[in-house]
């Protein structure tokens, strides 16, 4: 049995589908909420409901479990989130419960540049969470991923929403020259699946990214071509972009951009372009070939649905 935290999120939905398709029994860990969980439809899974900070609840959820994929995190909730509660304390409690339950393997999704000494809150939280996992005594595999994209992501979908709603021009942080390494969601999940059966990945921290380095400006221009929207790109200093984003996050509960997203764009986030082929024998998809999820979308309707839907 495989237990997945964050199984209803962007990465989790794809991982759940691929695990079930490969014959694995899957149990989703859902946090208590008054809202109906976004459980993957048509996929046979078990469900356990408990908080990441409830050690006894976690141990109960781990009965019969051999492997855990820990994907849950608070960054997508933007400024409202509590990274210490979710990412740091939640991961510490999960790792402690996993050790008590004698879990055979714990997988964790982290970020490139995760470091407890980082000045960026998300990367600092991920770095501390990694330490809790490494110190737990449970065999682990940590994937530090570059920025991810695919259907219903926060990256290309978020940029498309911003492009569509912008008034003829689109502000970008800095000069738009930040270099990113987009990794297609299906390729990341394939790495997770293959690592499950690869003993060489045990007790390793592995950095994975796409097969090309692309500037933020080029990424935005590529997306504009795909969704057939033209906007003048204007480049604002990071402090102005941060102020605008903080205001927007306070007004709209699910604004497409967050202060954490701006942190990610503050510097280049890269690893070796041959990381995935070298570690897993897989050639990642090129960014421009996997953007069909952006075509034919009613972006006005999607934006209204997104920004007026509150988190549970």
C-alpha atoms as a PDB file:
ATOM      1  CA  UNK A   1       0.000   0.000   0.000  1.00  0.00           C
ATOM      2  CA  UNK A   2       1.249   3.485  -0.899  1.00  0.00           C
ATOM      3  CA  UNK A   3       0.195   6.538   1.124  1.00  0.00           C
ATOM      4  CA  UNK A   4       0.187   9.930  -0.610  1.00  0.00           C
ATOM      5  CA  UNK A   5      -0.010  13.313   1.063  1.00  0.00           C
ATOM      6  CA  UNK A   6      -1.100  16.157  -1.210  1.00  0.00           C
ATOM      7  CA  UNK A   7      -2.718  13.598  -3.482  1.00  0.00           C
ATOM      8  CA  UNK A   8      -5.466  15.976  -4.618  1.00  0.00           C
ATOM      9  CA  UNK A   9      -3.016  18.637  -5.810  1.00  0.00           C
ATOM     10  CA  UNK A  10      -1.375  19.270  -9.165  1.00  0.00           C
ATOM     11  CA  UNK A  11       1.409  16.693  -8.771  1.00  0.00           C
ATOM     12  CA  UNK A  12      -0.622  14.326  -6.633  1.00  0.00           C
ATOM     13  CA  UNK A  13      -3.441  13.786  -9.128  1.00  0.00           C
ATOM     14  CA  UNK A  14      -0.983  12.713 -11.820  1.00  0.00           C
ATOM     15  CA  UNK A  15       1.018  10.511  -9.453  1.00  0.00           C
ATOM     16  CA  UNK A  16      -2.123   8.785  -8.154  1.00  0.00           C
ATOM     17  CA  UNK A  17      -3.312   8.022 -11.680  1.00  0.00           C
ATOM     18  CA  UNK A  18       0.047   6.578 -12.755  1.00  0.00           C
ATOM     19  CA  UNK A  19       0.470   4.502  -9.592  1.00  0.00           C
ATOM     20  CA  UNK A  20      -3.014   2.980  -9.923  1.00  0.00           C
ATOM     21  CA  UNK A  21      -2.469   2.346 -13.636  1.00  0.00           C
ATOM     22  CA  UNK A  22       0.696   0.446 -12.683  1.00  0.00           C
ATOM     23  CA  UNK A  23      -1.202  -1.788 -10.295  1.00  0.00           C
ATOM     24  CA  UNK A  24      -0.357  -0.160  -6.962  1.00  0.00           C
ATOM     25  CA  UNK A  25      -2.855   0.148  -4.107  1.00  0.00           C
ATOM     26  CA  UNK A  26      -3.076   3.817  -3.105  1.00  0.00           C
ATOM     27  CA  UNK A  27      -4.364   5.577   0.002  1.00  0.00           C
ATOM     28  CA  UNK A  28      -4.814   9.354   0.030  1.00  0.00           C
ATOM     29  CA  UNK A  29      -4.164  11.330   3.192  1.00  0.00           C
ATOM     30  CA  UNK A  30      -6.722  14.149   3.358  1.00  0.00           C
ATOM     31  CA  UNK A  31      -6.738  16.915   5.922  1.00  0.00           C
ATOM     32  CA  UNK A  32      -9.985  17.518   7.797  1.00  0.00           C
ATOM     33  CA  UNK A  33     -12.048  20.119   5.938  1.00  0.00           C
ATOM     34  CA  UNK A  34     -15.634  21.213   5.462  1.00  0.00           C
ATOM     35  CA  UNK A  35     -15.049  21.339   1.721  1.00  0.00           C
ATOM     36  CA  UNK A  36     -15.477  18.321  -0.544  1.00  0.00           C
ATOM     37  CA  UNK A  37     -11.977  17.040  -1.414  1.00  0.00           C
ATOM     38  CA  UNK A  38     -10.868  17.080  -5.023  1.00  0.00           C
ATOM     39  CA  UNK A  39     -10.309  13.302  -5.139  1.00  0.00           C
ATOM     40  CA  UNK A  40      -9.269  12.020  -8.604  1.00  0.00           C
ATOM     41  CA  UNK A  41     -12.385  10.773 -10.372  1.00  0.00           C
ATOM     42  CA  UNK A  42     -12.598   7.233 -11.720  1.00  0.00           C
ATOM     43  CA  UNK A  43      -9.483   6.116  -9.835  1.00  0.00           C
ATOM     44  CA  UNK A  44      -9.925   3.452  -7.113  1.00  0.00           C
ATOM     45  CA  UNK A  45      -8.196   4.739  -3.966  1.00  0.00           C
ATOM     46  CA  UNK A  46      -8.588   4.475  -0.214  1.00  0.00           C
ATOM     47  CA  UNK A  47      -8.896   7.616   1.896  1.00  0.00           C
ATOM     48  CA  UNK A  48      -7.611   8.481   5.378  1.00  0.00           C
ATOM     49  CA  UNK A  49      -8.564  11.779   6.994  1.00  0.00           C
ATOM     50  CA  UNK A  50      -6.146  13.360   9.474  1.00  0.00           C
ATOM     51  CA  UNK A  51      -3.910  16.376   9.950  1.00  0.00           C
ATOM     52  CA  UNK A  52      -0.196  16.225   9.184  1.00  0.00           C
ATOM     53  CA  UNK A  53       0.362  17.356  12.769  1.00  0.00           C
ATOM     54  CA  UNK A  54      -1.680  14.535  14.347  1.00  0.00           C
ATOM     55  CA  UNK A  55       0.891  11.814  14.992  1.00  0.00           C
ATOM     56  CA  UNK A  56      -1.608   9.223  16.231  1.00  0.00           C
ATOM     57  CA  UNK A  57      -3.864   9.905  13.242  1.00  0.00           C
ATOM     58  CA  UNK A  58      -0.898   9.521  10.923  1.00  0.00           C
ATOM     59  CA  UNK A  59       0.097   6.202  12.459  1.00  0.00           C
ATOM     60  CA  UNK A  60      -3.447   4.953  11.936  1.00  0.00           C
ATOM     61  CA  UNK A  61      -3.339   6.117   8.310  1.00  0.00           C
ATOM     62  CA  UNK A  62      -0.071   4.202   7.847  1.00  0.00           C
ATOM     63  CA  UNK A  63      -1.441   0.783   8.790  1.00  0.00           C
ATOM     64  CA  UNK A  64      -0.552  -1.624   5.992  1.00  0.00           C
ATOM     65  CA  UNK A  65       1.503   1.073   4.227  1.00  0.00           C
ATOM     66  CA  UNK A  66       4.977   0.347   2.873  1.00  0.00           C
ATOM     67  CA  UNK A  67       5.777   3.548   0.943  1.00  0.00           C
ATOM     68  CA  UNK A  68       4.877   7.217   1.398  1.00  0.00           C
ATOM     69  CA  UNK A  69       4.972   9.966  -1.213  1.00  0.00           C
ATOM     70  CA  UNK A  70       4.947  13.273   0.652  1.00  0.00           C
ATOM     71  CA  UNK A  71       3.763  16.020  -1.702  1.00  0.00           C
ATOM     72  CA  UNK A  72       1.759  18.238   0.654  1.00  0.00           C
ATOM     73  CA  UNK A  73       2.898  21.821   1.109  1.00  0.00           C
ATOM     74  CA  UNK A  74       1.474  25.241   1.790  1.00  0.00           C
ATOM     75  CA  UNK A  75       3.072  27.424  -0.847  1.00  0.00           C
ATOM     76  CA  UNK A  76       0.143  27.376  -3.305  1.00  0.00           C
ATOM     77  CA  UNK A  77      -1.996  29.151  -0.723  1.00  0.00           C
ATOM     78  CA  UNK A  78       0.228  32.196  -0.974  1.00  0.00           C
ATOM     79  CA  UNK A  79       0.627  34.733   1.826  1.00  0.00           C
ATOM     80  CA  UNK A  80      -2.187  33.166   3.879  1.00  0.00           C
ATOM     81  CA  UNK A  81      -0.313  29.917   4.401  1.00  0.00           C
ATOM     82  CA  UNK A  82       1.631  28.796   7.454  1.00  0.00           C
ATOM     83  CA  UNK A  83       4.778  27.163   6.114  1.00  0.00           C
ATOM     84  CA  UNK A  84       6.045  26.322   9.589  1.00  0.00           C
ATOM     85  CA  UNK A  85       2.858  24.455  10.465  1.00  0.00           C
ATOM     86  CA  UNK A  86       2.430  22.607   7.149  1.00  0.00           C
ATOM     87  CA  UNK A  87       5.854  22.134   5.574  1.00  0.00           C
ATOM     88  CA  UNK A  88       8.128  22.079   8.616  1.00  0.00           C
ATOM     89  CA  UNK A  89       6.139  20.739  11.580  1.00  0.00           C
ATOM     90  CA  UNK A  90       3.904  18.615   9.361  1.00  0.00           C
ATOM     91  CA  UNK A  91       6.881  16.932   7.707  1.00  0.00           C
ATOM     92  CA  UNK A  92       8.605  16.397  11.063  1.00  0.00           C
ATOM     93  CA  UNK A  93       5.498  14.706  12.479  1.00  0.00           C
ATOM     94  CA  UNK A  94       5.018  12.626   9.341  1.00  0.00           C
ATOM     95  CA  UNK A  95       8.652  11.471   9.369  1.00  0.00           C
ATOM     96  CA  UNK A  96       8.427  10.570  13.054  1.00  0.00           C
ATOM     97  CA  UNK A  97       5.234   8.580  12.499  1.00  0.00           C
ATOM     98  CA  UNK A  98       6.798   6.865   9.465  1.00  0.00           C
ATOM     99  CA  UNK A  99       9.764   5.746  11.556  1.00  0.00           C
ATOM    100  CA  UNK A 100       7.423   4.418  14.254  1.00  0.00           C
ATOM    101  CA  UNK A 101       5.357   2.574  11.632  1.00  0.00           C
ATOM    102  CA  UNK A 102       8.521   1.095  10.054  1.00  0.00           C
ATOM    103  CA  UNK A 103       7.752   2.555   6.633  1.00  0.00           C
ATOM    104  CA  UNK A 104      10.148   1.124   4.063  1.00  0.00           C
ATOM    105  CA  UNK A 105      10.558   4.252   1.929  1.00  0.00           C
ATOM    106  CA  UNK A 106       9.638   7.938   2.131  1.00  0.00           C
ATOM    107  CA  UNK A 107       9.652  10.070  -1.021  1.00  0.00           C
ATOM    108  CA  UNK A 108       9.579  13.860  -0.759  1.00  0.00           C
ATOM    109  CA  UNK A 109       9.029  16.540  -3.398  1.00  0.00           C
ATOM    110  CA  UNK A 110      11.253  19.537  -2.753  1.00  0.00           C
ATOM    111  CA  UNK A 111      12.591  22.484  -4.791  1.00  0.00           C
ATOM    112  CA  UNK A 112      15.891  23.328  -6.401  1.00  0.00           C
ATOM    113  CA  UNK A 113      17.908  25.514  -3.984  1.00  0.00           C
ATOM    114  CA  UNK A 114      16.062  24.219  -0.906  1.00  0.00           C
ATOM    115  CA  UNK A 115      18.235  25.176   2.059  1.00  0.00           C
ATOM    116  CA  UNK A 116      17.471  25.964   5.698  1.00  0.00           C
ATOM    117  CA  UNK A 117      19.754  29.029   5.325  1.00  0.00           C
ATOM    118  CA  UNK A 118      17.827  30.390   2.320  1.00  0.00           C
ATOM    119  CA  UNK A 119      16.415  33.902   2.492  1.00  0.00           C
ATOM    120  CA  UNK A 120      13.311  32.730   0.611  1.00  0.00           C
ATOM    121  CA  UNK A 121      10.609  31.349   2.965  1.00  0.00           C
ATOM    122  CA  UNK A 122       9.517  28.391   0.812  1.00  0.00           C
ATOM    123  CA  UNK A 123      13.067  27.241   0.091  1.00  0.00           C
ATOM    124  CA  UNK A 124      13.977  27.616   3.759  1.00  0.00           C
ATOM    125  CA  UNK A 125      10.935  25.571   4.797  1.00  0.00           C
ATOM    126  CA  UNK A 126      11.720  22.861   2.241  1.00  0.00           C
ATOM    127  CA  UNK A 127      15.334  22.717   3.408  1.00  0.00           C
ATOM    128  CA  UNK A 128      14.287  22.208   7.038  1.00  0.00           C
ATOM    129  CA  UNK A 129      11.691  19.616   6.001  1.00  0.00           C
ATOM    130  CA  UNK A 130      14.399  17.713   4.117  1.00  0.00           C
ATOM    131  CA  UNK A 131      16.491  17.622   7.285  1.00  0.00           C
ATOM    132  CA  UNK A 132      13.618  16.132   9.276  1.00  0.00           C
ATOM    133  CA  UNK A 133      13.281  13.369   6.676  1.00  0.00           C
ATOM    134  CA  UNK A 134      16.997  12.622   6.511  1.00  0.00           C
ATOM    135  CA  UNK A 135      17.231  12.446  10.315  1.00  0.00           C
ATOM    136  CA  UNK A 136      14.156  10.198  10.717  1.00  0.00           C
ATOM    137  CA  UNK A 137      15.968   6.925  10.073  1.00  0.00           C
ATOM    138  CA  UNK A 138      13.503   6.014   7.300  1.00  0.00           C
ATOM    139  CA  UNK A 139      14.955   5.243   3.883  1.00  0.00           C
ATOM    140  CA  UNK A 140      14.202   8.265   1.727  1.00  0.00           C
ATOM    141  CA  UNK A 141      14.443   9.723  -1.749  1.00  0.00           C
ATOM    142  CA  UNK A 142      14.150  13.491  -2.116  1.00  0.00           C
ATOM    143  CA  UNK A 143      13.543  14.993  -5.536  1.00  0.00           C
ATOM    144  CA  UNK A 144      14.428  18.669  -5.800  1.00  0.00           C
ATOM    145  CA  UNK A 145      12.492  19.716  -8.852  1.00  0.00           C
ATOM    146  CA  UNK A 146      12.682  22.711 -11.141  1.00  0.00           C
ATOM    147  CA  UNK A 147       9.442  24.554 -11.911  1.00  0.00           C
ATOM    148  CA  UNK A 148       6.687  22.196 -13.088  1.00  0.00           C
ATOM    149  CA  UNK A 149       4.067  22.622 -15.791  1.00  0.00           C
ATOM    150  CA  UNK A 150       1.046  20.729 -17.086  1.00  0.00           C
ATOM    151  CA  UNK A 151      -2.776  20.791 -16.955  1.00  0.00           C
ATOM    152  CA  UNK A 152      -4.163  22.931 -14.091  1.00  0.00           C
ATOM    153  CA  UNK A 153      -0.697  23.922 -12.899  1.00  0.00           C
ATOM    154  CA  UNK A 154       0.140  27.122 -11.096  1.00  0.00           C
ATOM    155  CA  UNK A 155       2.785  28.118 -13.637  1.00  0.00           C
ATOM    156  CA  UNK A 156       1.601  28.084 -17.247  1.00  0.00           C
ATOM    157  CA  UNK A 157      -2.072  28.233 -16.258  1.00  0.00           C
ATOM    158  CA  UNK A 158      -1.360  31.077 -13.861  1.00  0.00           C
ATOM    159  CA  UNK A 159       0.576  32.995 -16.507  1.00  0.00           C
ATOM    160  CA  UNK A 160      -2.239  32.451 -19.017  1.00  0.00           C
ATOM    161  CA  UNK A 161      -4.758  33.848 -16.530  1.00  0.00           C
ATOM    162  CA  UNK A 162      -2.566  36.892 -15.914  1.00  0.00           C
ATOM    163  CA  UNK A 163      -2.032  37.464 -19.633  1.00  0.00           C
ATOM    164  CA  UNK A 164      -5.749  37.208 -20.379  1.00  0.00           C
ATOM    165  CA  UNK A 165      -6.791  39.562 -17.562  1.00  0.00           C
ATOM    166  CA  UNK A 166      -4.068  42.166 -18.062  1.00  0.00           C
ATOM    167  CA  UNK A 167      -5.158  45.562 -19.521  1.00  0.00           C
ATOM    168  CA  UNK A 168      -3.101  45.505 -22.716  1.00  0.00           C
ATOM    169  CA  UNK A 169       0.216  45.177 -20.918  1.00  0.00           C
ATOM    170  CA  UNK A 170       1.692  42.589 -18.583  1.00  0.00           C
ATOM    171  CA  UNK A 171       4.121  43.504 -15.785  1.00  0.00           C
ATOM    172  CA  UNK A 172       7.004  41.089 -15.295  1.00  0.00           C
ATOM    173  CA  UNK A 173       9.553  41.177 -12.464  1.00  0.00           C
ATOM    174  CA  UNK A 174      12.972  42.605 -13.124  1.00  0.00           C
ATOM    175  CA  UNK A 175      13.906  42.461 -16.779  1.00  0.00           C
ATOM    176  CA  UNK A 176      12.262  39.123 -17.561  1.00  0.00           C
ATOM    177  CA  UNK A 177      15.699  37.544 -17.888  1.00  0.00           C
ATOM    178  CA  UNK A 178      15.423  35.033 -15.060  1.00  0.00           C
ATOM    179  CA  UNK A 179      16.293  31.611 -16.459  1.00  0.00           C
ATOM    180  CA  UNK A 180      14.015  28.684 -15.655  1.00  0.00           C
ATOM    181  CA  UNK A 181      14.087  24.978 -16.502  1.00  0.00           C
ATOM    182  CA  UNK A 182      10.433  23.855 -16.878  1.00  0.00           C
ATOM    183  CA  UNK A 183       9.807  20.159 -16.255  1.00  0.00           C
ATOM    184  CA  UNK A 184       6.653  18.501 -17.576  1.00  0.00           C
ATOM    185  CA  UNK A 185       4.543  16.990 -14.818  1.00  0.00           C
ATOM    186  CA  UNK A 186       4.358  13.535 -16.437  1.00  0.00           C
ATOM    187  CA  UNK A 187       8.163  13.393 -16.577  1.00  0.00           C
ATOM    188  CA  UNK A 188       8.508  14.237 -12.887  1.00  0.00           C
ATOM    189  CA  UNK A 189       5.955  11.584 -11.935  1.00  0.00           C
ATOM    190  CA  UNK A 190       7.743   9.019 -14.109  1.00  0.00           C
ATOM    191  CA  UNK A 191      10.933   9.784 -12.172  1.00  0.00           C
ATOM    192  CA  UNK A 192       9.070   9.170  -8.909  1.00  0.00           C
ATOM    193  CA  UNK A 193       7.712   5.858 -10.188  1.00  0.00           C
ATOM    194  CA  UNK A 194      11.008   4.612 -11.526  1.00  0.00           C
ATOM    195  CA  UNK A 195      12.819   5.618  -8.323  1.00  0.00           C
ATOM    196  CA  UNK A 196      10.465   3.312  -6.427  1.00  0.00           C
ATOM    197  CA  UNK A 197      12.220   0.311  -8.002  1.00  0.00           C
ATOM    198  CA  UNK A 198      15.744   1.763  -8.185  1.00  0.00           C
ATOM    199  CA  UNK A 199      17.869   1.003  -5.102  1.00  0.00           C
ATOM    200  CA  UNK A 200      20.470   3.522  -6.279  1.00  0.00           C
ATOM    201  CA  UNK A 201      18.081   6.336  -5.380  1.00  0.00           C
ATOM    202  CA  UNK A 202      17.754   5.277  -1.729  1.00  0.00           C
ATOM    203  CA  UNK A 203      18.924   7.911   0.764  1.00  0.00           C
ATOM    204  CA  UNK A 204      19.685  10.345  -2.048  1.00  0.00           C
ATOM    205  CA  UNK A 205      18.760  13.960  -2.728  1.00  0.00           C
ATOM    206  CA  UNK A 206      18.357  14.240  -6.490  1.00  0.00           C
ATOM    207  CA  UNK A 207      17.971  17.416  -8.542  1.00  0.00           C
ATOM    208  CA  UNK A 208      15.769  17.131 -11.621  1.00  0.00           C
ATOM    209  CA  UNK A 209      14.776  19.627 -14.299  1.00  0.00           C
ATOM    210  CA  UNK A 210      13.746  20.012 -17.903  1.00  0.00           C
ATOM    211  CA  UNK A 211      16.008  19.611 -20.917  1.00  0.00           C
ATOM    212  CA  UNK A 212      16.320  23.334 -21.729  1.00  0.00           C
ATOM    213  CA  UNK A 213      17.021  26.670 -20.092  1.00  0.00           C
ATOM    214  CA  UNK A 214      14.432  29.333 -20.996  1.00  0.00           C
ATOM    215  CA  UNK A 215      14.096  32.959 -19.918  1.00  0.00           C
ATOM    216  CA  UNK A 216      10.877  34.103 -18.261  1.00  0.00           C
ATOM    217  CA  UNK A 217      10.290  36.531 -21.118  1.00  0.00           C
ATOM    218  CA  UNK A 218      10.531  33.771 -23.734  1.00  0.00           C
ATOM    219  CA  UNK A 219       8.208  31.552 -21.685  1.00  0.00           C
ATOM    220  CA  UNK A 220       5.591  34.315 -21.527  1.00  0.00           C
ATOM    221  CA  UNK A 221       5.877  35.044 -25.258  1.00  0.00           C
ATOM    222  CA  UNK A 222       5.488  31.330 -26.045  1.00  0.00           C
ATOM    223  CA  UNK A 223       2.343  31.144 -23.914  1.00  0.00           C
ATOM    224  CA  UNK A 224       0.914  34.253 -25.578  1.00  0.00           C
ATOM    225  CA  UNK A 225       1.314  32.561 -28.953  1.00  0.00           C
ATOM    226  CA  UNK A 226      -0.419  29.400 -27.733  1.00  0.00           C
ATOM    227  CA  UNK A 227      -3.442  31.190 -26.201  1.00  0.00           C
ATOM    228  CA  UNK A 228      -3.500  33.776 -29.016  1.00  0.00           C
ATOM    229  CA  UNK A 229      -3.268  36.806 -26.746  1.00  0.00           C
ATOM    230  CA  UNK A 230      -0.929  39.728 -27.348  1.00  0.00           C
ATOM    231  CA  UNK A 231       0.257  41.950 -24.508  1.00  0.00           C
ATOM    232  CA  UNK A 232       2.982  44.542 -24.191  1.00  0.00           C
ATOM    233  CA  UNK A 233       5.534  43.266 -21.705  1.00  0.00           C
ATOM    234  CA  UNK A 234       6.706  45.838 -19.186  1.00  0.00           C
ATOM    235  CA  UNK A 235       9.427  45.148 -16.671  1.00  0.00           C
ATOM    236  CA  UNK A 236       8.928  46.392 -13.116  1.00  0.00           C
ATOM    237  CA  UNK A 237      11.406  46.310 -10.237  1.00  0.00           C
ATOM    238  CA  UNK A 238      10.805  43.419  -7.873  1.00  0.00           C
ATOM    239  CA  UNK A 239       9.658  45.640  -4.939  1.00  0.00           C
ATOM    240  CA  UNK A 240       6.847  47.091  -7.101  1.00  0.00           C
ATOM    241  CA  UNK A 241       5.799  43.640  -8.292  1.00  0.00           C
ATOM    242  CA  UNK A 242       5.777  42.383  -4.710  1.00  0.00           C
ATOM    243  CA  UNK A 243       3.622  45.286  -3.510  1.00  0.00           C
ATOM    244  CA  UNK A 244       1.137  44.743  -6.348  1.00  0.00           C
ATOM    245  CA  UNK A 245       0.978  41.003  -5.661  1.00  0.00           C
ATOM    246  CA  UNK A 246       0.459  41.425  -1.911  1.00  0.00           C
ATOM    247  CA  UNK A 247      -2.493  43.748  -2.565  1.00  0.00           C
ATOM    248  CA  UNK A 248      -3.981  41.360  -5.151  1.00  0.00           C
ATOM    249  CA  UNK A 249      -3.588  38.348  -2.821  1.00  0.00           C
ATOM    250  CA  UNK A 250      -5.428  40.179  -0.053  1.00  0.00           C
ATOM    251  CA  UNK A 251      -8.315  41.114  -2.359  1.00  0.00           C
ATOM    252  CA  UNK A 252      -8.646  37.829  -4.249  1.00  0.00           C
ATOM    253  CA  UNK A 253      -8.237  34.504  -2.401  1.00  0.00           C
ATOM    254  CA  UNK A 254      -6.699  32.642  -5.344  1.00  0.00           C
ATOM    255  CA  UNK A 255      -4.946  35.311  -7.381  1.00  0.00           C
ATOM    256  CA  UNK A 256      -2.829  33.596 -10.093  1.00  0.00           C
ATOM    257  CA  UNK A 257       0.420  35.053  -8.743  1.00  0.00           C
ATOM    258  CA  UNK A 258       1.776  34.835  -5.175  1.00  0.00           C
ATOM    259  CA  UNK A 259       4.689  36.382  -3.289  1.00  0.00           C
ATOM    260  CA  UNK A 260       6.254  32.912  -3.178  1.00  0.00           C
ATOM    261  CA  UNK A 261       6.050  32.751  -6.971  1.00  0.00           C
ATOM    262  CA  UNK A 262       7.931  36.064  -7.179  1.00  0.00           C
ATOM    263  CA  UNK A 263      10.567  34.653  -4.825  1.00  0.00           C
ATOM    264  CA  UNK A 264      11.043  31.730  -7.195  1.00  0.00           C
ATOM    265  CA  UNK A 265      11.575  34.171 -10.087  1.00  0.00           C
ATOM    266  CA  UNK A 266      14.069  36.298  -8.164  1.00  0.00           C
ATOM    267  CA  UNK A 267      17.090  34.289  -9.378  1.00  0.00           C
ATOM    268  CA  UNK A 268      17.824  31.537 -11.886  1.00  0.00           C
ATOM    269  CA  UNK A 269      16.565  28.128 -10.671  1.00  0.00           C
ATOM    270  CA  UNK A 270      18.605  25.526 -12.541  1.00  0.00           C
ATOM    271  CA  UNK A 271      20.249  22.132 -12.399  1.00  0.00           C
ATOM    272  CA  UNK A 272      22.079  20.171 -15.087  1.00  0.00           C
ATOM    273  CA  UNK A 273      20.043  19.809 -18.301  1.00  0.00           C
ATOM    274  CA  UNK A 274      21.014  16.141 -18.428  1.00  0.00           C
ATOM    275  CA  UNK A 275      19.827  15.430 -14.875  1.00  0.00           C
ATOM    276  CA  UNK A 276      16.758  13.363 -15.802  1.00  0.00           C
ATOM    277  CA  UNK A 277      18.438  11.388 -18.649  1.00  0.00           C
ATOM    278  CA  UNK A 278      21.482  10.719 -16.471  1.00  0.00           C
ATOM    279  CA  UNK A 279      19.547   9.657 -13.359  1.00  0.00           C
ATOM    280  CA  UNK A 280      16.533   7.937 -14.922  1.00  0.00           C
ATOM    281  CA  UNK A 281      17.306   7.318 -18.601  1.00  0.00           C
ATOM    282  CA  UNK A 282      14.388   9.555 -19.600  1.00  0.00           C
ATOM    283  CA  UNK A 283      14.497  12.496 -22.011  1.00  0.00           C
ATOM    284  CA  UNK A 284      12.189  15.246 -20.686  1.00  0.00           C
ATOM    285  CA  UNK A 285       9.655  16.835 -23.016  1.00  0.00           C
ATOM    286  CA  UNK A 286      10.458  20.249 -24.443  1.00  0.00           C
ATOM    287  CA  UNK A 287       8.390  23.091 -23.046  1.00  0.00           C
ATOM    288  CA  UNK A 288       6.811  24.240 -26.310  1.00  0.00           C
ATOM    289  CA  UNK A 289       5.578  20.730 -27.207  1.00  0.00           C
ATOM    290  CA  UNK A 290       3.452  20.194 -24.075  1.00  0.00           C
ATOM    291  CA  UNK A 291       1.179  23.241 -23.929  1.00  0.00           C
ATOM    292  CA  UNK A 292      -2.006  21.785 -25.422  1.00  0.00           C
ATOM    293  CA  UNK A 293      -3.712  22.176 -22.026  1.00  0.00           C
ATOM    294  CA  UNK A 294      -3.710  25.945 -22.672  1.00  0.00           C
ATOM    295  CA  UNK A 295      -5.532  25.787 -26.008  1.00  0.00           C
ATOM    296  CA  UNK A 296      -9.256  26.476 -26.356  1.00  0.00           C
ATOM    297  CA  UNK A 297      -9.752  27.562 -22.732  1.00  0.00           C
ATOM    298  CA  UNK A 298     -12.324  30.185 -21.709  1.00  0.00           C
ATOM    299  CA  UNK A 299      -9.857  32.177 -19.622  1.00  0.00           C
ATOM    300  CA  UNK A 300     -12.395  34.740 -18.398  1.00  0.00           C
ATOM    301  CA  UNK A 301     -14.577  31.995 -16.946  1.00  0.00           C
ATOM    302  CA  UNK A 302     -11.571  30.198 -15.477  1.00  0.00           C
ATOM    303  CA  UNK A 303     -10.292  33.372 -13.830  1.00  0.00           C
ATOM    304  CA  UNK A 304     -13.627  34.165 -12.190  1.00  0.00           C
ATOM    305  CA  UNK A 305     -13.953  30.596 -10.931  1.00  0.00           C
ATOM    306  CA  UNK A 306     -10.425  30.650  -9.547  1.00  0.00           C
ATOM    307  CA  UNK A 307     -10.264  33.970  -7.750  1.00  0.00           C
ATOM    308  CA  UNK A 308     -13.665  33.650  -6.086  1.00  0.00           C
ATOM    309  CA  UNK A 309     -13.110  30.124  -4.784  1.00  0.00           C
ATOM    310  CA  UNK A 310     -11.748  30.129  -1.266  1.00  0.00           C
ATOM    311  CA  UNK A 311      -9.486  27.502   0.195  1.00  0.00           C
ATOM    312  CA  UNK A 312     -11.064  25.064   2.660  1.00  0.00           C
END
